[in-house]
Each structure stands twice: as C-alpha cells, then as structure tokens.
Amino acid sequence: MARQYGDQVTIVGVPSLDNVGAMRDFVERHGLQDLRHAADVDGVVWKANGIVGQPAWVFVDGETGEQAQHLGSLGEEGLTEVVEQLTS
C-alpha cells in the first residue's frame, strides 16, 4: 500500500504496549521499514481510538479529521478497496 499509494496517503504503523527495541525488531523481522512508525509505548494512541488488540485500522481524513475504524484483518484486497475509496 505504501509503495502504491504513498503519494496519496500516509500509512503509519502504531505498535503499542511494548518497548521500542521490541517494536524495532518486529519492523525489521516483517520488512516494514518503508512505513512510518510511531511507538505508542504507553498505549495512549490505542486508548484514544478504542483499540484493544491487533490488527486494527484507523483511517483519518487529512482534510476533515473524520475517522473510520476497522477492527480485525482486512487482507490485501480489503485494504486496497478502502484506500481506493479514500483516494477517489
């Protein structure tokens, strides 16, 4: 998604409730270095969005600030559909 839609959307991974070293290891292990990441060590971002576990998605309109959430996996097809809706 980041490679295909990177000029239209910003994707930020928000790992939470772990130490920064463990989060960096996860990013490295899963090849997620192309994404931006914000370490949410205390779970503040997760709590503010009602997230209690992974996977979870929060989509934020950069112009209006409106948010939509999806708790659970979207898969590549589902995520592509959402991103295409947001960018059209």
Protein backbone atom coordinates (compact mmCIF):
# COMPACT_ATOMS: atom_id res chain seq x y z
CA MET A 1 0.00 0.00 0.00
CA ALA A 2 2.73 2.45 0.97
CA ARG A 3 4.56 1.91 -2.31
CA GLN A 4 1.44 2.01 -4.49
CA TYR A 5 -0.44 4.85 -2.79
CA GLY A 6 2.38 6.64 -0.95
CA ASP A 7 1.88 9.87 -2.87
CA GLN A 8 -1.83 9.93 -1.93
CA VAL A 9 -1.98 8.51 1.60
CA THR A 10 0.27 8.31 4.63
CA ILE A 11 0.40 4.97 6.37
CA VAL A 12 1.65 4.96 9.94
CA GLY A 13 2.20 1.81 11.97
CA VAL A 14 1.45 2.32 15.65
CA PRO A 15 2.88 -0.55 17.66
CA SER A 16 1.85 -0.38 21.28
CA LEU A 17 2.41 -1.67 24.77
CA ASP A 18 5.97 -2.88 24.29
CA ASN A 19 9.45 -1.42 24.42
CA VAL A 20 10.97 0.41 21.48
CA GLY A 21 13.61 -2.28 20.91
CA ALA A 22 10.98 -4.99 20.54
CA MET A 23 8.99 -2.77 18.18
CA ARG A 24 12.07 -2.15 16.03
CA ASP A 25 12.77 -5.89 15.92
CA PHE A 26 9.18 -6.52 14.74
CA VAL A 27 9.51 -3.89 12.00
CA GLU A 28 12.81 -5.41 10.83
CA ARG A 29 11.57 -9.02 11.03
CA HIS A 30 8.47 -8.27 8.94
CA GLY A 31 10.12 -5.96 6.40
CA LEU A 32 8.09 -2.90 7.38
CA GLN A 33 10.90 -0.36 7.14
CA ASP A 34 9.18 1.51 4.28
CA LEU A 35 6.36 2.59 6.60
CA ARG A 36 6.39 5.36 9.14
CA HIS A 37 6.05 4.17 12.72
CA ALA A 38 5.06 5.87 15.97
CA ALA A 39 5.90 3.91 19.12
CA ASP A 40 2.91 4.05 21.45
CA VAL A 41 4.71 2.55 24.46
CA ASP A 42 2.07 3.67 26.96
CA GLY A 43 -0.92 2.83 24.73
CA VAL A 44 -2.16 6.44 24.59
CA VAL A 45 -2.94 6.37 20.86
CA TRP A 46 -4.56 2.96 21.11
CA LYS A 47 -6.74 4.03 24.05
CA ALA A 48 -7.78 7.26 22.33
CA ASN A 49 -9.02 5.19 19.38
CA GLY A 50 -10.59 2.34 21.38
CA ILE A 51 -8.08 -0.21 20.07
CA VAL A 52 -7.59 -3.23 22.33
CA GLY A 53 -5.58 -5.53 20.04
CA GLN A 54 -4.12 -6.10 16.62
CA PRO A 55 -4.86 -5.95 13.81
CA ALA A 56 -6.82 -2.73 13.83
CA TRP A 57 -7.07 0.07 11.32
CA VAL A 58 -7.93 3.73 11.83
CA PHE A 59 -8.44 5.79 8.70
CA VAL A 60 -8.21 9.56 9.16
CA ASP A 61 -9.23 12.07 6.51
CA GLY A 62 -6.37 14.57 6.36
CA GLU A 63 -8.68 17.44 5.41
CA THR A 64 -11.66 16.93 7.72
CA GLY A 65 -10.15 14.83 10.52
CA GLU A 66 -13.04 12.37 10.18
CA GLN A 67 -12.17 8.86 11.29
CA ALA A 68 -13.31 5.38 10.40
CA GLN A 69 -12.15 2.22 12.17
CA HIS A 70 -11.91 -1.41 11.28
CA LEU A 71 -11.05 -3.91 13.98
CA GLY A 72 -9.59 -7.14 12.64
CA SER A 73 -7.80 -8.14 9.49
CA LEU A 74 -8.61 -6.55 6.16
CA GLY A 75 -6.28 -8.54 3.94
CA GLU A 76 -4.70 -7.01 0.88
CA GLU A 77 -7.94 -6.91 -1.11
CA GLY A 78 -9.94 -5.27 1.69
CA LEU A 79 -7.25 -2.71 2.42
CA THR A 80 -6.89 -1.90 -1.28
CA GLU A 81 -10.65 -1.34 -1.50
CA VAL A 82 -10.64 1.07 1.46
CA VAL A 83 -7.61 3.00 0.21
CA GLU A 84 -9.07 3.28 -3.29
CA GLN A 85 -12.30 4.67 -1.81
CA LEU A 86 -10.33 7.19 0.22
CA THR A 87 -8.23 8.33 -2.71
CA SER A 88 -11.01 8.67 -5.29
